[in-house]
Amino acid sequence: MVGTSLESFDFYVFAYFSAFFVGPLFFEPLGELGATAAGFLTIALAFVVRPIGAILFGYMGDRLGRRATLLWTVGIMGVATGLIGLLPTYAQAGWIGAILLILLRIVQGLSLGGEWGGSILIATEHSGRLKRAFYAAIPQLGSPVGSILSATLFIVMTVALPAEAMVEWGWRIPFLLAIPLLLVSLYLRWSITETPVFEGVVAEGRRDKIPFVTMFAQRPAAMAIAIGSALLGIGSYSLMNTYTINYGVERLGFSFQDLLIATTIGGLLQLVTIPLFGAWATRVGSAKVVAWGALGTLLITFPMYFLLQFAAFPILVATMIIGGILPTMSWAALGGLMNDLFPDHFRYSALSFAYALAATISGFVPYVTFELGAATDFAWWHPGVILAILSAITLVSAWAASRRPAEPEFSGSGRDQPETATV
């Protein structure tokens, strides 16, 4: 959980940073709207390459082990994030800084493609079946912790530094902090042991030569269900933590600090709700918790954004809390749902790729929402359309997952059989 928190911090730092600094500092010649769009596209870029990282690190995770793969993912993320803090801006070196930024975002995306699946498996494959849904929820705390850390850092910096200093050199500090955090992450990852499940797969000679091919050959329907189930949990983060911050400042009149404070309050609440939802999933099943979260989000989406147009800070905080709790249900139980869909010998590849593909789709959420807003003169309901679509897809997918039996555990009795169920 701690390692995932630090890796999420590295990624969220850029999300907060991009809303206000990427465009003016690296894409200045594109104009205000063009620079803003380019900033959102740099977020999307890291998501686009995540499936490639999932294939690469999924192969490593299913062939070499969960622990060794997670050491690589966190190391690559930390170095790439730290280097962003050293980039020259457009005013200093023209388009060189933007090109290097794009390359480093690609590296970040590749790293994150293998992070989530490994974190979930490190937790679930050290647990028994009865507690697996709860264990799967704990790494999910990494996302709100990373969000809280990055938002708190920006709040402190915007209070402590004048705007000129932030633009000139202050924006580099959060990225450079990734280097010492990397050392902490590496130490923690080094101290964990390999999972008993993977050790059993190795001992029984059940490793696949090409796990990526096997997972589509044996579990095509499960892959589709996993991708759809992940959309709301990931997409709502992209919408709330990136687009809504920019939209709230530029269109609704909130201050940057107010939005960060509201986001931090919502993140702090998730530190309580994620374990509670994980515990609930152990009683009713992970798929049902994901489904209830999606249904609740679908019902409150348009009322939430209607109220948000009345630019009052209490309404903003209430929006972040209510709009955060319900998608958090789907987020907290996602790891347990996916874990039950796939057998152990290609589980790393399957979890990583399904999550990464959902993340790729979600990475375009800020940009698509921005374009929809521009086309509708930024009508109050335009973010709600995107959130409602994500909720509906996840609801249907979670319902389908709830109708499938969980994958059995194997301990020497041989491989599982190819998938025959249809959805």
Protein backbone atom coordinates (compact mmCIF):
# COMPACT_ATOMS: atom_id res chain seq x y z
CA MET A 1 0.00 0.00 0.00
CA VAL A 2 2.80 2.41 0.89
CA GLY A 3 4.66 1.64 -2.32
CA THR A 4 1.51 2.18 -4.39
CA SER A 5 0.87 5.45 -2.54
CA LEU A 6 4.27 6.79 -3.47
CA GLU A 7 3.89 5.73 -7.09
CA SER A 8 0.44 7.34 -7.19
CA PHE A 9 1.96 10.52 -5.76
CA ASP A 10 4.39 10.62 -8.67
CA PHE A 11 1.52 10.28 -11.13
CA TYR A 12 -0.91 12.70 -9.44
CA VAL A 13 1.72 15.39 -9.14
CA PHE A 14 1.64 15.62 -12.89
CA ALA A 15 -2.18 15.62 -12.96
CA TYR A 16 -2.35 18.65 -10.67
CA PHE A 17 0.59 20.27 -12.39
CA SER A 18 -0.80 19.81 -15.91
CA ALA A 19 -4.03 21.69 -15.25
CA PHE A 20 -2.17 24.99 -14.78
CA PHE A 21 1.50 24.72 -15.71
CA VAL A 22 2.06 22.29 -18.60
CA GLY A 23 0.28 24.42 -21.19
CA PRO A 24 1.87 27.81 -20.42
CA LEU A 25 5.35 26.43 -19.72
CA PHE A 26 5.75 23.85 -22.49
CA PHE A 27 3.12 24.60 -25.16
CA GLU A 28 2.94 28.40 -25.03
CA PRO A 29 2.82 29.01 -28.85
CA LEU A 30 -0.45 27.01 -29.12
CA GLY A 31 -2.48 29.75 -27.44
CA GLU A 32 -4.60 29.49 -24.28
CA LEU A 33 -7.10 26.88 -25.45
CA GLY A 34 -4.53 24.96 -27.47
CA ALA A 35 -2.08 24.86 -24.58
CA THR A 36 -4.80 23.66 -22.18
CA ALA A 37 -5.81 20.92 -24.60
CA ALA A 38 -2.16 19.92 -25.04
CA GLY A 39 -1.78 19.73 -21.26
CA PHE A 40 -4.72 17.32 -21.01
CA LEU A 41 -3.35 15.27 -23.91
CA THR A 42 -0.05 14.81 -22.08
CA ILE A 43 -2.11 13.19 -19.31
CA ALA A 44 -3.82 10.98 -21.87
CA LEU A 45 -0.48 10.01 -23.46
CA ALA A 46 0.73 8.20 -20.36
CA PHE A 47 -2.54 6.27 -20.29
CA VAL A 48 -2.27 5.32 -23.97
CA VAL A 49 0.99 3.44 -23.47
CA ARG A 50 -0.13 1.73 -20.27
CA PRO A 51 -1.40 -1.40 -22.07
CA ILE A 52 2.09 -1.81 -23.57
CA GLY A 53 3.56 -1.58 -20.08
CA ALA A 54 0.94 -4.06 -18.87
CA ILE A 55 1.99 -6.57 -21.52
CA LEU A 56 5.68 -6.12 -20.70
CA PHE A 57 5.42 -6.17 -16.91
CA GLY A 58 2.56 -8.68 -16.95
CA TYR A 59 4.91 -11.09 -18.73
CA MET A 60 7.57 -10.41 -16.10
CA GLY A 61 5.09 -10.82 -13.26
CA ASP A 62 3.81 -14.18 -14.52
CA ARG A 63 7.25 -15.47 -15.49
CA LEU A 64 9.74 -13.90 -13.05
CA GLY A 65 7.55 -13.11 -10.07
CA ARG A 66 5.39 -10.41 -8.52
CA ARG A 67 8.06 -8.96 -6.23
CA ALA A 68 10.82 -8.49 -8.81
CA THR A 69 8.42 -6.85 -11.24
CA LEU A 70 7.19 -4.33 -8.68
CA LEU A 71 10.79 -3.29 -7.98
CA TRP A 72 11.17 -2.42 -11.66
CA THR A 73 7.89 -0.51 -11.92
CA VAL A 74 8.48 1.75 -8.94
CA GLY A 75 12.10 2.38 -9.93
CA ILE A 76 11.19 3.46 -13.45
CA MET A 77 8.37 5.70 -12.23
CA GLY A 78 10.56 7.44 -9.65
CA VAL A 79 13.37 8.21 -12.07
CA ALA A 80 11.02 9.47 -14.81
CA THR A 81 9.15 11.73 -12.38
CA GLY A 82 12.35 13.20 -10.98
CA LEU A 83 13.63 13.99 -14.48
CA ILE A 84 10.46 15.95 -15.29
CA GLY A 85 11.52 18.37 -12.57
CA LEU A 86 14.75 19.06 -14.49
CA LEU A 87 13.19 19.80 -17.89
CA PRO A 88 13.73 23.13 -19.67
CA THR A 89 10.57 25.12 -20.42
CA TYR A 90 9.63 26.49 -23.85
CA ALA A 91 11.07 29.88 -22.90
CA GLN A 92 14.39 28.22 -22.05
CA ALA A 93 14.83 25.70 -24.87
CA GLY A 94 11.91 25.91 -27.29
CA TRP A 95 10.19 22.63 -28.13
CA ILE A 96 12.98 20.48 -26.64
CA GLY A 97 11.36 20.55 -23.21
CA ALA A 98 7.97 19.53 -24.61
CA ILE A 99 9.51 16.62 -26.54
CA LEU A 100 11.37 15.38 -23.47
CA LEU A 101 8.22 15.80 -21.39
CA ILE A 102 6.31 13.61 -23.82
CA LEU A 103 9.03 10.94 -23.69
CA LEU A 104 9.06 10.91 -19.89
CA ARG A 105 5.28 10.69 -19.80
CA ILE A 106 5.54 7.61 -22.01
CA VAL A 107 8.01 6.08 -19.55
CA GLN A 108 5.67 6.88 -16.65
CA GLY A 109 2.79 5.24 -18.45
CA LEU A 110 4.79 2.08 -19.16
CA SER A 111 5.72 1.82 -15.49
CA LEU A 112 2.20 2.34 -14.23
CA GLY A 113 0.95 -0.33 -16.63
CA GLY A 114 2.54 -3.00 -14.47
CA GLU A 115 2.06 -1.44 -11.04
CA TRP A 116 -1.58 -1.99 -10.16
CA GLY A 117 -1.85 -5.68 -11.03
CA GLY A 118 1.28 -6.53 -9.07
CA SER A 119 0.18 -4.56 -6.02
CA ILE A 120 -3.18 -6.32 -5.92
CA LEU A 121 -1.56 -9.75 -6.29
CA ILE A 122 1.05 -9.10 -3.61
CA ALA A 123 -1.88 -8.46 -1.26
CA THR A 124 -4.38 -11.10 -2.36
CA GLU A 125 -1.92 -13.93 -2.93
CA HIS A 126 -0.67 -13.60 0.63
CA SER A 127 -4.23 -13.92 1.99
CA GLY A 128 -6.81 -16.64 2.34
CA ARG A 129 -9.97 -16.64 0.23
CA LEU A 130 -12.22 -15.38 3.05
CA LYS A 131 -10.22 -12.17 3.51
CA ARG A 132 -9.15 -11.71 -0.10
CA ALA A 133 -11.64 -8.96 -0.96
CA PHE A 134 -10.48 -6.92 2.04
CA TYR A 135 -6.81 -7.45 1.23
CA ALA A 136 -7.49 -6.40 -2.38
CA ALA A 137 -8.94 -3.10 -1.14
CA ILE A 138 -5.87 -2.06 0.85
CA PRO A 139 -3.59 -1.27 -2.14
CA GLN A 140 -6.45 0.89 -3.44
CA LEU A 141 -5.66 3.26 -0.59
CA GLY A 142 -2.57 4.22 -2.57
CA SER A 143 -4.56 6.39 -4.95
CA PRO A 144 -6.18 8.68 -2.34
CA VAL A 145 -2.96 8.77 -0.32
CA GLY A 146 -1.03 9.85 -3.43
CA SER A 147 -3.73 12.40 -4.21
CA ILE A 148 -3.66 13.77 -0.65
CA LEU A 149 0.12 14.05 -0.61
CA SER A 150 0.31 15.84 -3.95
CA ALA A 151 -2.64 18.15 -3.22
CA THR A 152 -1.29 19.02 0.23
CA LEU A 153 2.10 19.80 -1.27
CA PHE A 154 0.56 22.14 -3.83
CA ILE A 155 -1.58 23.85 -1.19
CA VAL A 156 1.52 24.51 0.94
CA MET A 157 3.52 25.68 -2.05
CA THR A 158 0.86 28.05 -3.38
CA VAL A 159 0.56 29.61 0.07
CA ALA A 160 4.30 29.81 0.70
CA LEU A 161 5.42 30.93 -2.75
CA PRO A 162 4.25 33.87 -4.88
CA ALA A 163 2.77 33.02 -8.27
CA GLU A 164 5.90 34.25 -10.08
CA ALA A 165 8.14 31.90 -8.09
CA MET A 166 5.79 28.97 -8.71
CA VAL A 167 5.95 29.52 -12.46
CA GLU A 168 9.69 30.20 -12.50
CA TRP A 169 11.02 27.34 -10.37
CA GLY A 170 8.53 26.21 -7.68
CA TRP A 171 6.72 23.77 -9.97
CA ARG A 172 9.89 21.65 -10.12
CA ILE A 173 9.91 20.81 -6.40
CA PRO A 174 7.14 18.16 -6.37
CA PHE A 175 8.82 16.24 -9.19
CA LEU A 176 12.27 16.34 -7.61
CA LEU A 177 10.77 14.95 -4.39
CA ALA A 178 10.21 11.72 -6.31
CA ILE A 179 13.89 10.84 -5.94
CA PRO A 180 13.98 10.46 -2.12
CA LEU A 181 10.53 8.86 -2.21
CA LEU A 182 11.90 6.37 -4.73
CA LEU A 183 14.47 5.21 -2.19
CA VAL A 184 11.71 4.60 0.37
CA SER A 185 9.65 2.67 -2.18
CA LEU A 186 12.57 0.50 -3.23
CA TYR A 187 13.35 -0.34 0.38
CA LEU A 188 9.76 -1.37 1.07
CA ARG A 189 9.45 -3.41 -2.10
CA TRP A 190 12.78 -5.12 -1.43
CA SER A 191 11.63 -6.20 2.03
CA ILE A 192 8.52 -8.10 0.87
CA THR A 193 8.54 -11.79 0.00
CA GLU A 194 7.31 -13.51 -3.16
CA THR A 195 3.72 -14.72 -2.97
CA PRO A 196 3.01 -18.37 -2.09
CA VAL A 197 0.67 -18.58 -5.09
CA PHE A 198 3.39 -17.69 -7.59
CA GLU A 199 5.85 -19.99 -5.86
CA GLY A 200 3.26 -22.76 -6.28
CA VAL A 201 2.85 -21.98 -9.97
CA VAL A 202 6.63 -22.28 -10.42
CA ALA A 203 6.87 -25.49 -8.38
CA GLU A 204 4.08 -27.10 -10.39
CA GLY A 205 5.56 -26.00 -13.72
CA ARG A 206 2.43 -24.06 -14.73
CA ARG A 207 3.97 -20.83 -16.02
CA ASP A 208 2.74 -19.83 -19.48
CA LYS A 209 5.27 -19.00 -22.17
CA ILE A 210 3.15 -16.11 -23.42
CA PRO A 211 0.59 -15.18 -20.73
CA PHE A 212 -0.85 -12.35 -22.83
CA VAL A 213 -1.98 -14.82 -25.51
CA THR A 214 -3.28 -17.36 -23.00
CA MET A 215 -5.51 -14.91 -21.19
CA PHE A 216 -7.41 -13.98 -24.35
CA ALA A 217 -7.58 -17.60 -25.51
CA GLN A 218 -8.96 -18.90 -22.21
CA ARG A 219 -10.83 -15.92 -20.69
CA PRO A 220 -12.07 -13.54 -23.43
CA ALA A 221 -15.38 -12.76 -21.71
CA ALA A 222 -13.65 -12.22 -18.36
CA MET A 223 -11.30 -9.72 -19.98
CA ALA A 224 -14.21 -7.67 -21.31
CA ILE A 225 -15.93 -7.75 -17.91
CA ALA A 226 -12.75 -6.68 -16.10
CA ILE A 227 -12.16 -3.73 -18.44
CA GLY A 228 -15.73 -2.47 -18.09
CA SER A 229 -15.71 -2.92 -14.30
CA ALA A 230 -12.62 -0.73 -13.97
CA LEU A 231 -13.86 2.25 -16.01
CA LEU A 232 -15.74 4.11 -13.29
CA GLY A 233 -13.12 3.76 -10.56
CA ILE A 234 -10.34 5.09 -12.79
CA GLY A 235 -12.35 7.48 -14.95
CA SER A 236 -13.95 9.27 -12.01
CA TYR A 237 -10.47 10.06 -10.67
CA SER A 238 -9.46 11.53 -14.02
CA LEU A 239 -12.64 13.58 -14.10
CA MET A 240 -12.62 14.84 -10.52
CA ASN A 241 -8.89 15.28 -9.90
CA THR A 242 -7.91 16.79 -13.24
CA TYR A 243 -10.75 18.19 -15.34
CA THR A 244 -12.96 19.37 -12.48
CA ILE A 245 -10.07 21.29 -10.93
CA ASN A 246 -9.37 23.15 -14.16
CA TYR A 247 -13.10 23.62 -14.87
CA GLY A 248 -13.75 24.85 -11.34
CA VAL A 249 -11.12 27.57 -11.57
CA GLU A 250 -11.67 28.75 -15.14
CA ARG A 251 -15.47 28.45 -15.40
CA LEU A 252 -16.97 28.34 -11.91
CA GLY A 253 -14.79 30.91 -10.17
CA PHE A 254 -13.30 28.72 -7.42
CA SER A 255 -9.74 29.31 -6.31
CA PHE A 256 -7.09 26.69 -6.97
CA GLN A 257 -6.55 26.34 -3.21
CA ASP A 258 -10.26 25.77 -2.55
CA LEU A 259 -10.38 22.98 -5.08
CA LEU A 260 -7.28 21.31 -3.70
CA ILE A 261 -8.65 21.54 -0.15
CA ALA A 262 -11.96 20.00 -1.26
CA THR A 263 -10.12 17.22 -3.10
CA THR A 264 -7.97 16.56 -0.04
CA ILE A 265 -11.05 16.32 2.21
CA GLY A 266 -12.54 13.80 -0.19
CA GLY A 267 -9.28 11.84 -0.22
CA LEU A 268 -9.10 11.77 3.58
CA LEU A 269 -12.61 10.34 3.70
CA GLN A 270 -11.55 7.59 1.30
CA LEU A 271 -8.93 6.45 3.80
CA VAL A 272 -11.87 5.33 5.95
CA THR A 273 -14.36 4.23 3.30
CA ILE A 274 -12.03 2.06 1.19
CA PRO A 275 -11.27 -0.43 4.00
CA LEU A 276 -14.94 -0.40 5.02
CA PHE A 277 -16.05 -1.18 1.47
CA GLY A 278 -13.37 -3.87 1.29
CA ALA A 279 -14.73 -5.45 4.47
CA TRP A 280 -18.25 -5.27 3.05
CA ALA A 281 -17.03 -7.01 -0.10
CA THR A 282 -15.88 -9.98 1.99
CA ARG A 283 -19.51 -10.42 3.11
CA VAL A 284 -21.51 -9.79 -0.08
CA GLY A 285 -18.92 -10.23 -2.82
CA SER A 286 -16.68 -7.76 -4.63
CA ALA A 287 -18.79 -7.65 -7.81
CA LYS A 288 -21.91 -6.57 -5.90
CA VAL A 289 -20.06 -3.74 -4.17
CA VAL A 290 -18.73 -2.51 -7.52
CA ALA A 291 -22.26 -2.63 -8.94
CA TRP A 292 -23.81 -0.71 -6.04
CA GLY A 293 -21.14 1.97 -6.36
CA ALA A 294 -21.82 2.34 -10.08
CA LEU A 295 -25.59 2.53 -9.59
CA GLY A 296 -25.28 5.15 -6.87
CA THR A 297 -22.93 7.25 -8.98
CA LEU A 298 -25.30 7.08 -11.93
CA LEU A 299 -28.17 8.36 -9.78
CA ILE A 300 -26.35 11.34 -8.25
CA THR A 301 -24.30 12.46 -11.25
CA PHE A 302 -26.52 15.20 -12.70
CA PRO A 303 -27.82 16.56 -9.36
CA MET A 304 -24.20 16.83 -8.20
CA TYR A 305 -23.04 18.86 -11.19
CA PHE A 306 -26.18 20.99 -11.10
CA LEU A 307 -25.37 22.06 -7.54
CA LEU A 308 -21.72 22.62 -8.38
CA GLN A 309 -22.57 25.58 -10.60
CA PHE A 310 -23.58 27.52 -7.48
CA ALA A 311 -20.00 28.41 -6.62
CA ALA A 312 -20.01 28.08 -2.84
CA PHE A 313 -17.23 26.31 -0.97
CA PRO A 314 -19.55 24.09 1.16
CA ILE A 315 -21.25 22.88 -2.04
CA LEU A 316 -17.84 22.19 -3.54
CA VAL A 317 -16.78 20.10 -0.53
CA ALA A 318 -20.10 18.24 -0.51
CA THR A 319 -19.70 17.51 -4.22
CA MET A 320 -16.21 16.10 -3.75
CA ILE A 321 -17.39 13.96 -0.81
CA ILE A 322 -20.60 12.62 -2.34
CA GLY A 323 -19.07 12.35 -5.80
CA GLY A 324 -16.12 10.53 -4.28
CA ILE A 325 -17.79 8.02 -1.93
CA LEU A 326 -19.93 6.24 -4.49
CA PRO A 327 -17.25 5.74 -7.18
CA THR A 328 -14.98 4.70 -4.31
CA MET A 329 -17.22 1.70 -3.71
CA SER A 330 -16.48 0.53 -7.24
CA TRP A 331 -12.81 1.37 -6.80
CA ALA A 332 -12.36 -0.37 -3.44
CA ALA A 333 -13.83 -3.69 -4.58
CA LEU A 334 -12.27 -3.69 -8.06
CA GLY A 335 -9.18 -5.71 -7.13
CA GLY A 336 -11.25 -8.46 -5.54
CA LEU A 337 -13.57 -8.61 -8.55
CA MET A 338 -10.68 -8.95 -11.00
CA ASN A 339 -8.79 -11.43 -8.86
CA ASP A 340 -11.77 -13.79 -8.93
CA LEU A 341 -12.02 -13.62 -12.74
CA PHE A 342 -8.63 -15.13 -13.64
CA PRO A 343 -6.50 -18.18 -12.73
CA ASP A 344 -3.12 -17.75 -11.08
CA HIS A 345 -0.81 -18.67 -13.97
CA PHE A 346 -1.66 -15.58 -16.06
CA ARG A 347 -3.34 -13.43 -13.42
CA TYR A 348 -0.66 -10.71 -13.40
CA SER A 349 -0.97 -10.19 -17.15
CA ALA A 350 -4.77 -10.27 -17.10
CA LEU A 351 -5.20 -7.84 -14.20
CA SER A 352 -2.55 -5.48 -15.54
CA PHE A 353 -3.82 -5.38 -19.11
CA ALA A 354 -7.51 -5.07 -18.24
CA TYR A 355 -6.80 -2.28 -15.79
CA ALA A 356 -4.38 -0.55 -18.17
CA LEU A 357 -6.83 -0.62 -21.08
CA ALA A 358 -9.55 0.83 -18.86
CA ALA A 359 -7.03 3.45 -17.73
CA THR A 360 -6.20 4.28 -21.35
CA ILE A 361 -9.85 4.97 -22.05
CA SER A 362 -10.12 6.95 -18.82
CA GLY A 363 -7.01 8.95 -19.68
CA PHE A 364 -8.99 10.70 -22.39
CA VAL A 365 -11.75 11.66 -19.98
CA PRO A 366 -10.38 15.19 -19.23
CA TYR A 367 -9.82 15.90 -22.92
CA VAL A 368 -13.19 14.50 -24.09
CA THR A 369 -14.98 16.35 -21.29
CA PHE A 370 -13.18 19.56 -22.28
CA GLU A 371 -14.22 19.13 -25.93
CA LEU A 372 -17.82 18.36 -24.91
CA GLY A 373 -17.78 21.47 -22.74
CA ALA A 374 -16.49 23.61 -25.60
CA ALA A 375 -19.20 22.21 -27.90
CA THR A 376 -21.98 22.94 -25.36
CA ASP A 377 -20.69 26.33 -24.21
CA PHE A 378 -19.68 24.59 -20.96
CA ALA A 379 -23.23 23.77 -19.91
CA TRP A 380 -23.44 22.67 -16.29
CA TRP A 381 -24.39 19.10 -17.24
CA HIS A 382 -21.52 18.33 -19.63
CA PRO A 383 -19.24 16.56 -17.07
CA GLY A 384 -22.27 14.58 -15.88
CA VAL A 385 -22.73 13.02 -19.30
CA ILE A 386 -19.24 11.51 -19.15
CA LEU A 387 -19.59 10.29 -15.57
CA ALA A 388 -23.00 8.74 -16.31
CA ILE A 389 -21.61 6.78 -19.27
CA LEU A 390 -18.74 5.45 -17.17
CA SER A 391 -21.17 4.47 -14.39
CA ALA A 392 -23.51 2.61 -16.75
CA ILE A 393 -20.72 0.56 -18.32
CA THR A 394 -19.31 -0.41 -14.93
CA LEU A 395 -22.77 -1.30 -13.62
CA VAL A 396 -23.44 -3.74 -16.47
CA SER A 397 -19.93 -5.24 -16.22
CA ALA A 398 -20.14 -5.75 -12.45
CA TRP A 399 -23.53 -7.42 -12.82
CA ALA A 400 -21.98 -9.81 -15.37
CA ALA A 401 -19.06 -10.50 -13.00
CA SER A 402 -21.46 -11.31 -10.14
CA ARG A 403 -22.96 -14.12 -12.23
CA ARG A 404 -19.63 -15.88 -12.77
CA PRO A 405 -18.09 -18.34 -10.27
CA ALA A 406 -14.78 -17.31 -8.74
CA GLU A 407 -11.70 -19.03 -10.14
CA PRO A 408 -10.66 -22.02 -7.99
CA GLU A 409 -7.26 -22.20 -6.33
CA PHE A 410 -4.86 -24.83 -7.61
CA SER A 411 -2.26 -26.66 -5.58
CA GLY A 412 -0.81 -29.33 -7.78
CA SER A 413 -3.95 -30.83 -9.27
CA GLY A 414 -3.23 -29.45 -12.72
CA ARG A 415 -4.23 -26.58 -14.88
CA ASP A 416 -7.67 -25.10 -15.03
CA GLN A 417 -9.76 -25.66 -18.12
CA PRO A 418 -10.46 -23.07 -20.84
CA GLU A 419 -13.42 -20.81 -20.39
CA THR A 420 -16.77 -22.12 -21.55
CA ALA A 421 -19.21 -19.73 -19.88
CA THR A 422 -20.81 -17.00 -21.93
CA VAL A 423 -22.09 -13.60 -20.86
